Amino acid sequence: MASNSSPLIHLAQVNALFLLKELYGEVVITEEVRAEAVERGKEEGCADAILIKDAIETGAIKVVRHGTARDFSRFGLHEAEANVISLVLNEKFDLILLDEDAARELARMLGLKVRGSIGVIIEALRKKRITRKEALKFLNELASVMYLSGEAYREAREAIEKA
């Protein structure tokens, strides 16, 4: 499984980064994702950057060098998004973590299985890694650190309550 920076950042911000290792084992990211999540985060004084850096140092997140990304500029993707999508396509990973709508839409068009930060929380609940109360807490915390429409929040809350 590979991840873009946003899910790592969002999950770290709500202290749920540990779920990635529990659910997926090893998480793979590109150098560009590491730079965005760790280096830029440290420059901006973000505590989540330290948590992500620690996960890299302990081996929960593996950084790989990836060749030239495919040109997805017409889709408005950032370099890190283009690189991680290219990595997943080239290495045939079974899942990609993305939170940005344009990147998610492109990944699905390319036949990739996509999950976002909220999907990680719901999956953790379904696999009994967290309780319903914890899932709702994580959802509410995610809603405060990332853009989440009212409809998306309601759908996520319903999925948690039904799980």
N, C-alpha and C. Protein backbone atom coordinates (compact mmCIF):
# COMPACT_ATOMS: atom_id res chain seq x y z
N MET A 1 0.84 -1.16 0.00
CA MET A 1 0.00 0.00 0.00
C MET A 1 0.89 1.23 0.00
N ALA A 2 0.47 2.23 -0.77
CA ALA A 2 1.24 3.47 -0.86
C ALA A 2 0.35 4.64 -0.46
N SER A 3 0.98 5.70 0.00
CA SER A 3 0.22 6.85 0.47
C SER A 3 0.79 8.15 -0.04
N ASN A 4 -0.11 9.10 -0.25
CA ASN A 4 0.27 10.48 -0.50
C ASN A 4 0.45 11.14 0.87
N SER A 5 0.89 12.38 0.87
CA SER A 5 1.19 13.05 2.13
C SER A 5 -0.05 13.42 2.95
N SER A 6 -1.14 13.83 2.32
CA SER A 6 -2.30 14.30 3.08
C SER A 6 -2.85 13.28 4.07
N PRO A 7 -3.09 12.03 3.67
CA PRO A 7 -3.57 11.07 4.67
C PRO A 7 -2.59 10.88 5.83
N LEU A 8 -1.30 10.88 5.55
CA LEU A 8 -0.31 10.75 6.62
C LEU A 8 -0.42 11.94 7.58
N ILE A 9 -0.48 13.13 7.01
CA ILE A 9 -0.56 14.34 7.82
C ILE A 9 -1.84 14.36 8.64
N HIS A 10 -2.97 14.10 7.98
CA HIS A 10 -4.25 14.15 8.69
C HIS A 10 -4.32 13.10 9.80
N LEU A 11 -3.90 11.89 9.51
CA LEU A 11 -3.95 10.84 10.53
C LEU A 11 -2.97 11.14 11.67
N ALA A 12 -1.82 11.70 11.36
CA ALA A 12 -0.87 12.08 12.41
C ALA A 12 -1.45 13.20 13.28
N GLN A 13 -2.14 14.14 12.65
CA GLN A 13 -2.71 15.26 13.40
C GLN A 13 -3.75 14.81 14.42
N VAL A 14 -4.40 13.68 14.18
CA VAL A 14 -5.42 13.19 15.13
C VAL A 14 -4.92 11.96 15.90
N ASN A 15 -3.60 11.74 15.86
CA ASN A 15 -2.97 10.62 16.58
C ASN A 15 -3.52 9.26 16.17
N ALA A 16 -3.77 9.09 14.87
CA ALA A 16 -4.27 7.82 14.35
C ALA A 16 -3.32 7.21 13.32
N LEU A 17 -2.11 7.73 13.21
CA LEU A 17 -1.16 7.22 12.24
C LEU A 17 -0.85 5.74 12.48
N PHE A 18 -0.91 5.31 13.73
CA PHE A 18 -0.63 3.92 14.10
C PHE A 18 -1.55 2.94 13.37
N LEU A 19 -2.72 3.40 12.96
CA LEU A 19 -3.68 2.50 12.29
C LEU A 19 -3.14 1.99 10.95
N LEU A 20 -2.31 2.77 10.29
CA LEU A 20 -1.79 2.33 8.99
C LEU A 20 -0.98 1.06 9.13
N LYS A 21 -0.10 1.00 10.09
CA LYS A 21 0.71 -0.21 10.30
C LYS A 21 -0.18 -1.38 10.72
N GLU A 22 -1.14 -1.11 11.60
CA GLU A 22 -2.03 -2.18 12.07
C GLU A 22 -2.87 -2.75 10.94
N LEU A 23 -3.34 -1.90 10.04
CA LEU A 23 -4.22 -2.35 8.96
C LEU A 23 -3.48 -2.88 7.75
N TYR A 24 -2.35 -2.24 7.40
CA TYR A 24 -1.72 -2.53 6.12
C TYR A 24 -0.29 -3.05 6.22
N GLY A 25 0.25 -3.13 7.43
CA GLY A 25 1.64 -3.54 7.55
C GLY A 25 2.53 -2.39 7.11
N GLU A 26 3.25 -2.57 6.04
CA GLU A 26 4.16 -1.54 5.56
C GLU A 26 3.44 -0.54 4.66
N VAL A 27 3.71 0.71 4.89
CA VAL A 27 3.20 1.81 4.06
C VAL A 27 4.39 2.35 3.28
N VAL A 28 4.22 2.50 1.98
CA VAL A 28 5.30 2.98 1.12
C VAL A 28 4.96 4.40 0.65
N ILE A 29 5.97 5.27 0.70
CA ILE A 29 5.81 6.63 0.18
C ILE A 29 7.02 6.95 -0.70
N THR A 30 6.86 7.97 -1.52
CA THR A 30 7.96 8.41 -2.37
C THR A 30 8.76 9.50 -1.64
N GLU A 31 9.93 9.81 -2.18
CA GLU A 31 10.76 10.90 -1.64
C GLU A 31 9.98 12.22 -1.63
N GLU A 32 9.18 12.46 -2.68
CA GLU A 32 8.41 13.70 -2.77
C GLU A 32 7.37 13.79 -1.66
N VAL A 33 6.74 12.66 -1.35
CA VAL A 33 5.76 12.63 -0.26
C VAL A 33 6.47 12.88 1.07
N ARG A 34 7.63 12.24 1.27
CA ARG A 34 8.40 12.46 2.50
C ARG A 34 8.77 13.93 2.65
N ALA A 35 9.25 14.53 1.58
CA ALA A 35 9.65 15.94 1.63
C ALA A 35 8.47 16.83 2.00
N GLU A 36 7.32 16.53 1.41
CA GLU A 36 6.12 17.33 1.68
C GLU A 36 5.63 17.13 3.11
N ALA A 37 5.58 15.89 3.57
CA ALA A 37 5.01 15.59 4.88
C ALA A 37 5.99 15.87 6.03
N VAL A 38 7.26 15.64 5.80
CA VAL A 38 8.24 15.78 6.89
C VAL A 38 9.00 17.11 6.79
N GLU A 39 9.73 17.30 5.70
CA GLU A 39 10.58 18.49 5.61
C GLU A 39 9.78 19.79 5.63
N ARG A 40 8.77 19.87 4.78
CA ARG A 40 7.95 21.09 4.77
C ARG A 40 7.21 21.25 6.09
N GLY A 41 6.73 20.14 6.64
CA GLY A 41 6.03 20.19 7.92
C GLY A 41 6.93 20.69 9.04
N LYS A 42 8.18 20.22 9.07
CA LYS A 42 9.12 20.68 10.10
C LYS A 42 9.41 22.17 9.92
N GLU A 43 9.57 22.61 8.67
CA GLU A 43 9.80 24.03 8.40
C GLU A 43 8.66 24.89 8.92
N GLU A 44 7.45 24.36 8.84
CA GLU A 44 6.26 25.09 9.28
C GLU A 44 5.95 24.86 10.76
N GLY A 45 6.79 24.07 11.44
CA GLY A 45 6.61 23.82 12.87
C GLY A 45 5.46 22.90 13.21
N CYS A 46 5.12 21.99 12.32
CA CYS A 46 3.98 21.09 12.52
C CYS A 46 4.43 19.83 13.27
N ALA A 47 3.75 19.54 14.37
CA ALA A 47 4.08 18.36 15.18
C ALA A 47 3.86 17.07 14.39
N ASP A 48 2.89 17.06 13.46
CA ASP A 48 2.63 15.84 12.69
C ASP A 48 3.86 15.42 11.89
N ALA A 49 4.69 16.37 11.48
CA ALA A 49 5.90 16.05 10.72
C ALA A 49 6.84 15.17 11.55
N ILE A 50 6.92 15.43 12.84
CA ILE A 50 7.77 14.63 13.73
C ILE A 50 7.21 13.21 13.86
N LEU A 51 5.89 13.09 13.97
CA LEU A 51 5.27 11.76 14.08
C LEU A 51 5.51 10.95 12.81
N ILE A 52 5.40 11.58 11.66
CA ILE A 52 5.63 10.89 10.38
C ILE A 52 7.11 10.50 10.27
N LYS A 53 8.00 11.42 10.64
CA LYS A 53 9.43 11.14 10.62
C LYS A 53 9.74 9.94 11.52
N ASP A 54 9.15 9.90 12.71
CA ASP A 54 9.36 8.77 13.62
C ASP A 54 8.87 7.46 13.00
N ALA A 55 7.73 7.50 12.31
CA ALA A 55 7.19 6.29 11.66
C ALA A 55 8.13 5.81 10.55
N ILE A 56 8.77 6.75 9.87
CA ILE A 56 9.76 6.38 8.85
C ILE A 56 10.97 5.74 9.51
N GLU A 57 11.45 6.34 10.58
CA GLU A 57 12.65 5.84 11.26
C GLU A 57 12.43 4.46 11.89
N THR A 58 11.20 4.17 12.32
CA THR A 58 10.92 2.86 12.92
C THR A 58 10.55 1.81 11.88
N GLY A 59 10.44 2.21 10.62
CA GLY A 59 10.13 1.26 9.56
C GLY A 59 8.66 1.05 9.28
N ALA A 60 7.78 1.76 9.99
CA ALA A 60 6.34 1.64 9.72
C ALA A 60 6.00 2.24 8.36
N ILE A 61 6.79 3.24 7.97
CA ILE A 61 6.64 3.86 6.65
C ILE A 61 7.97 3.73 5.93
N LYS A 62 7.92 3.23 4.71
CA LYS A 62 9.13 3.02 3.93
C LYS A 62 9.17 4.04 2.80
N VAL A 63 10.29 4.74 2.68
CA VAL A 63 10.48 5.72 1.61
C VAL A 63 11.22 5.04 0.47
N VAL A 64 10.67 5.16 -0.74
CA VAL A 64 11.32 4.57 -1.91
C VAL A 64 11.62 5.66 -2.93
N ARG A 65 12.68 5.44 -3.66
CA ARG A 65 12.99 6.34 -4.77
C ARG A 65 12.19 5.85 -5.96
N HIS A 66 11.56 6.78 -6.62
CA HIS A 66 10.74 6.42 -7.76
C HIS A 66 11.19 7.25 -8.94
N GLY A 67 11.23 6.61 -10.08
CA GLY A 67 11.65 7.29 -11.30
C GLY A 67 10.70 8.41 -11.68
N THR A 68 10.79 8.83 -12.89
CA THR A 68 9.98 9.93 -13.38
C THR A 68 8.49 9.60 -13.30
N ALA A 69 7.76 10.54 -12.78
CA ALA A 69 6.30 10.36 -12.69
C ALA A 69 5.68 10.57 -14.07
N ARG A 70 4.58 9.91 -14.26
CA ARG A 70 3.82 10.16 -15.49
C ARG A 70 3.30 11.57 -15.46
N ASP A 71 3.04 12.13 -16.62
CA ASP A 71 2.57 13.51 -16.70
C ASP A 71 1.07 13.57 -16.46
N PHE A 72 0.71 13.96 -15.25
CA PHE A 72 -0.69 14.13 -14.89
C PHE A 72 -1.02 15.60 -14.69
N SER A 73 -0.22 16.49 -15.29
CA SER A 73 -0.39 17.93 -15.07
C SER A 73 -1.76 18.43 -15.52
N ARG A 74 -2.33 17.83 -16.52
CA ARG A 74 -3.64 18.29 -17.00
C ARG A 74 -4.75 18.02 -15.98
N PHE A 75 -4.44 17.18 -14.99
CA PHE A 75 -5.41 16.89 -13.94
C PHE A 75 -5.21 17.77 -12.72
N GLY A 76 -4.20 18.65 -12.76
CA GLY A 76 -3.96 19.58 -11.67
C GLY A 76 -3.34 18.95 -10.44
N LEU A 77 -2.60 17.87 -10.61
CA LEU A 77 -1.99 17.20 -9.47
C LEU A 77 -0.67 17.84 -9.08
N HIS A 78 -0.35 17.77 -7.81
CA HIS A 78 0.96 18.17 -7.32
C HIS A 78 1.96 17.09 -7.67
N GLU A 79 3.24 17.43 -7.59
CA GLU A 79 4.30 16.48 -7.94
C GLU A 79 4.22 15.21 -7.08
N ALA A 80 3.99 15.38 -5.78
CA ALA A 80 3.94 14.21 -4.89
C ALA A 80 2.78 13.30 -5.26
N GLU A 81 1.62 13.87 -5.58
CA GLU A 81 0.46 13.05 -5.99
C GLU A 81 0.76 12.28 -7.27
N ALA A 82 1.34 12.97 -8.24
CA ALA A 82 1.69 12.32 -9.52
C ALA A 82 2.68 11.18 -9.29
N ASN A 83 3.65 11.41 -8.42
CA ASN A 83 4.66 10.39 -8.14
C ASN A 83 4.08 9.17 -7.46
N VAL A 84 3.22 9.39 -6.47
CA VAL A 84 2.69 8.23 -5.75
C VAL A 84 1.72 7.44 -6.63
N ILE A 85 0.94 8.12 -7.46
CA ILE A 85 0.06 7.40 -8.40
C ILE A 85 0.90 6.61 -9.39
N SER A 86 1.97 7.22 -9.91
CA SER A 86 2.87 6.50 -10.83
C SER A 86 3.49 5.29 -10.15
N LEU A 87 3.91 5.46 -8.90
CA LEU A 87 4.49 4.35 -8.15
C LEU A 87 3.51 3.20 -8.03
N VAL A 88 2.28 3.49 -7.68
CA VAL A 88 1.27 2.45 -7.51
C VAL A 88 1.00 1.74 -8.84
N LEU A 89 0.93 2.51 -9.92
CA LEU A 89 0.72 1.90 -11.23
C LEU A 89 1.89 1.01 -11.63
N ASN A 90 3.11 1.47 -11.40
CA ASN A 90 4.30 0.72 -11.81
C ASN A 90 4.56 -0.50 -10.93
N GLU A 91 4.32 -0.35 -9.64
CA GLU A 91 4.63 -1.44 -8.70
C GLU A 91 3.42 -2.32 -8.41
N LYS A 92 2.28 -1.95 -8.93
CA LYS A 92 1.04 -2.73 -8.78
C LYS A 92 0.64 -2.94 -7.31
N PHE A 93 0.71 -1.87 -6.53
CA PHE A 93 0.21 -1.94 -5.16
C PHE A 93 -1.30 -2.11 -5.20
N ASP A 94 -1.84 -2.71 -4.14
CA ASP A 94 -3.28 -2.99 -4.14
C ASP A 94 -4.12 -1.83 -3.63
N LEU A 95 -3.49 -0.80 -3.07
CA LEU A 95 -4.26 0.30 -2.48
C LEU A 95 -3.42 1.56 -2.46
N ILE A 96 -4.09 2.70 -2.66
CA ILE A 96 -3.43 4.00 -2.55
C ILE A 96 -4.26 4.88 -1.63
N LEU A 97 -3.57 5.58 -0.72
CA LEU A 97 -4.24 6.52 0.17
C LEU A 97 -4.11 7.93 -0.40
N LEU A 98 -5.26 8.53 -0.65
CA LEU A 98 -5.33 9.89 -1.19
C LEU A 98 -6.53 10.60 -0.56
N ASP A 99 -6.37 11.88 -0.24
CA ASP A 99 -7.50 12.65 0.28
C ASP A 99 -8.01 13.69 -0.72
N GLU A 100 -7.19 14.14 -1.65
CA GLU A 100 -7.59 15.19 -2.58
C GLU A 100 -8.49 14.64 -3.68
N ASP A 101 -9.57 15.35 -3.94
CA ASP A 101 -10.59 14.88 -4.89
C ASP A 101 -10.03 14.60 -6.28
N ALA A 102 -9.24 15.53 -6.84
CA ALA A 102 -8.72 15.34 -8.21
C ALA A 102 -7.84 14.11 -8.30
N ALA A 103 -6.99 13.91 -7.31
CA ALA A 103 -6.09 12.75 -7.30
C ALA A 103 -6.89 11.46 -7.14
N ARG A 104 -7.91 11.48 -6.27
CA ARG A 104 -8.75 10.29 -6.07
C ARG A 104 -9.49 9.93 -7.35
N GLU A 105 -10.04 10.95 -8.01
CA GLU A 105 -10.78 10.71 -9.24
C GLU A 105 -9.88 10.11 -10.32
N LEU A 106 -8.69 10.67 -10.49
CA LEU A 106 -7.76 10.14 -11.49
C LEU A 106 -7.37 8.70 -11.13
N ALA A 107 -7.04 8.46 -9.87
CA ALA A 107 -6.63 7.11 -9.47
C ALA A 107 -7.73 6.10 -9.76
N ARG A 108 -8.96 6.46 -9.48
CA ARG A 108 -10.08 5.54 -9.78
C ARG A 108 -10.23 5.34 -11.28
N MET A 109 -10.07 6.42 -12.07
CA MET A 109 -10.15 6.28 -13.53
C MET A 109 -9.08 5.32 -14.04
N LEU A 110 -7.94 5.28 -13.35
CA LEU A 110 -6.84 4.39 -13.73
C LEU A 110 -7.00 2.98 -13.17
N GLY A 111 -8.12 2.75 -12.48
CA GLY A 111 -8.42 1.41 -11.97
C GLY A 111 -7.81 1.10 -10.61
N LEU A 112 -7.36 2.12 -9.90
CA LEU A 112 -6.74 1.88 -8.60
C LEU A 112 -7.78 1.88 -7.48
N LYS A 113 -7.52 1.10 -6.46
CA LYS A 113 -8.36 1.08 -5.27
C LYS A 113 -7.88 2.21 -4.36
N VAL A 114 -8.80 3.12 -4.03
CA VAL A 114 -8.46 4.34 -3.29
C VAL A 114 -9.14 4.34 -1.94
N ARG A 115 -8.41 4.82 -0.96
CA ARG A 115 -8.98 5.04 0.36
C ARG A 115 -8.41 6.36 0.86
N GLY A 116 -9.17 7.05 1.71
CA GLY A 116 -8.71 8.29 2.31
C GLY A 116 -8.61 8.16 3.81
N SER A 117 -8.33 9.27 4.46
CA SER A 117 -8.16 9.27 5.91
C SER A 117 -9.39 8.73 6.63
N ILE A 118 -10.56 9.17 6.20
CA ILE A 118 -11.80 8.71 6.84
C ILE A 118 -12.02 7.22 6.57
N GLY A 119 -11.72 6.78 5.37
CA GLY A 119 -11.84 5.36 5.05
C GLY A 119 -10.96 4.49 5.92
N VAL A 120 -9.78 5.00 6.29
CA VAL A 120 -8.89 4.26 7.18
C VAL A 120 -9.57 4.08 8.54
N ILE A 121 -10.20 5.14 9.04
CA ILE A 121 -10.87 5.08 10.33
C ILE A 121 -12.02 4.06 10.29
N ILE A 122 -12.81 4.12 9.22
CA ILE A 122 -13.94 3.20 9.09
C ILE A 122 -13.45 1.75 8.97
N GLU A 123 -12.40 1.53 8.20
CA GLU A 123 -11.86 0.18 8.07
C GLU A 123 -11.32 -0.32 9.41
N ALA A 124 -10.66 0.56 10.15
CA ALA A 124 -10.14 0.16 11.47
C ALA A 124 -11.27 -0.25 12.40
N LEU A 125 -12.38 0.46 12.32
CA LEU A 125 -13.55 0.10 13.13
C LEU A 125 -14.10 -1.26 12.69
N ARG A 126 -14.27 -1.44 11.39
CA ARG A 126 -14.81 -2.71 10.88
C ARG A 126 -13.93 -3.90 11.23
N LYS A 127 -12.62 -3.66 11.28
CA LYS A 127 -11.69 -4.75 11.63
C LYS A 127 -11.42 -4.81 13.13
N LYS A 128 -12.22 -4.04 13.89
CA LYS A 128 -12.17 -4.06 15.35
C LYS A 128 -10.81 -3.65 15.91
N ARG A 129 -10.12 -2.75 15.23
CA ARG A 129 -8.86 -2.20 15.74
C ARG A 129 -9.14 -1.01 16.67
N ILE A 130 -10.34 -0.39 16.49
CA ILE A 130 -10.77 0.72 17.34
C ILE A 130 -12.26 0.53 17.64
N THR A 131 -12.72 1.22 18.67
CA THR A 131 -14.14 1.15 19.03
C THR A 131 -14.93 2.20 18.24
N ARG A 132 -16.24 2.08 18.28
CA ARG A 132 -17.12 3.06 17.64
C ARG A 132 -16.87 4.45 18.24
N LYS A 133 -16.72 4.50 19.55
CA LYS A 133 -16.46 5.78 20.23
C LYS A 133 -15.16 6.41 19.72
N GLU A 134 -14.12 5.60 19.58
CA GLU A 134 -12.84 6.10 19.06
C GLU A 134 -12.98 6.55 17.61
N ALA A 135 -13.71 5.78 16.81
CA ALA A 135 -13.92 6.15 15.41
C ALA A 135 -14.63 7.50 15.30
N LEU A 136 -15.66 7.70 16.11
CA LEU A 136 -16.37 8.99 16.09
C LEU A 136 -15.46 10.12 16.55
N LYS A 137 -14.63 9.86 17.54
CA LYS A 137 -13.67 10.86 18.01
C LYS A 137 -12.70 11.22 16.88
N PHE A 138 -12.14 10.20 16.21
CA PHE A 138 -11.22 10.45 15.10
C PHE A 138 -11.91 11.22 13.98
N LEU A 139 -13.16 10.85 13.65
CA LEU A 139 -13.90 11.54 12.60
C LEU A 139 -14.07 13.02 12.96
N ASN A 140 -14.47 13.31 14.18
CA ASN A 140 -14.66 14.70 14.58
C ASN A 140 -13.35 15.47 14.56
N GLU A 141 -12.27 14.83 14.96
CA GLU A 141 -10.96 15.48 14.92
C GLU A 141 -10.51 15.70 13.47
N LEU A 142 -10.76 14.71 12.60
CA LEU A 142 -10.41 14.89 11.19
C LEU A 142 -11.19 16.04 10.57
N ALA A 143 -12.46 16.17 10.95
CA ALA A 143 -13.28 17.26 10.42
C ALA A 143 -12.73 18.62 10.81
N SER A 144 -11.93 18.68 11.87
CA SER A 144 -11.36 19.96 12.28
C SER A 144 -10.00 20.25 11.64
N VAL A 145 -9.36 19.23 11.03
CA VAL A 145 -8.04 19.45 10.43
C VAL A 145 -8.03 19.33 8.91
N MET A 146 -9.13 18.90 8.32
CA MET A 146 -9.19 18.77 6.87
C MET A 146 -10.56 19.22 6.38
N TYR A 147 -10.62 19.58 5.10
CA TYR A 147 -11.92 19.97 4.54
C TYR A 147 -12.79 18.73 4.44
N LEU A 148 -14.00 18.86 4.94
CA LEU A 148 -14.96 17.77 4.91
C LEU A 148 -16.34 18.39 4.74
N SER A 149 -16.99 18.11 3.62
CA SER A 149 -18.33 18.67 3.40
C SER A 149 -19.31 18.08 4.41
N GLY A 150 -20.40 18.77 4.60
CA GLY A 150 -21.43 18.27 5.51
C GLY A 150 -21.94 16.91 5.08
N GLU A 151 -22.11 16.73 3.78
CA GLU A 151 -22.59 15.45 3.26
C GLU A 151 -21.58 14.33 3.53
N ALA A 152 -20.29 14.60 3.29
CA ALA A 152 -19.26 13.59 3.54
C ALA A 152 -19.20 13.24 5.02
N TYR A 153 -19.35 14.26 5.87
CA TYR A 153 -19.34 14.00 7.31
C TYR A 153 -20.52 13.12 7.71
N ARG A 154 -21.70 13.44 7.21
CA ARG A 154 -22.90 12.64 7.53
C ARG A 154 -22.72 11.20 7.06
N GLU A 155 -22.23 11.02 5.84
CA GLU A 155 -22.03 9.67 5.30
C GLU A 155 -21.03 8.88 6.14
N ALA A 156 -19.95 9.54 6.54
CA ALA A 156 -18.94 8.87 7.36
C ALA A 156 -19.51 8.52 8.73
N ARG A 157 -20.25 9.43 9.31
CA ARG A 157 -20.85 9.18 10.63
C ARG A 157 -21.83 8.01 10.55
N GLU A 158 -22.64 7.96 9.48
CA GLU A 158 -23.59 6.86 9.30
C GLU A 158 -22.83 5.53 9.15
N ALA A 159 -21.75 5.55 8.37
CA ALA A 159 -20.97 4.32 8.19
C ALA A 159 -20.39 3.85 9.51
N ILE A 160 -19.96 4.78 10.33
CA ILE A 160 -19.41 4.41 11.65
C ILE A 160 -20.51 3.86 12.54
N GLU A 161 -21.66 4.50 12.54
CA GLU A 161 -22.74 4.05 13.40
C GLU A 161 -23.29 2.69 12.98
N LYS A 162 -23.21 2.37 11.68
CA LYS A 162 -23.70 1.08 11.19
C LYS A 162 -22.69 -0.04 11.33
N ALA A 163 -21.42 0.32 11.47
CA ALA A 163 -20.35 -0.71 11.52
C ALA A 163 -20.40 -1.48 12.83
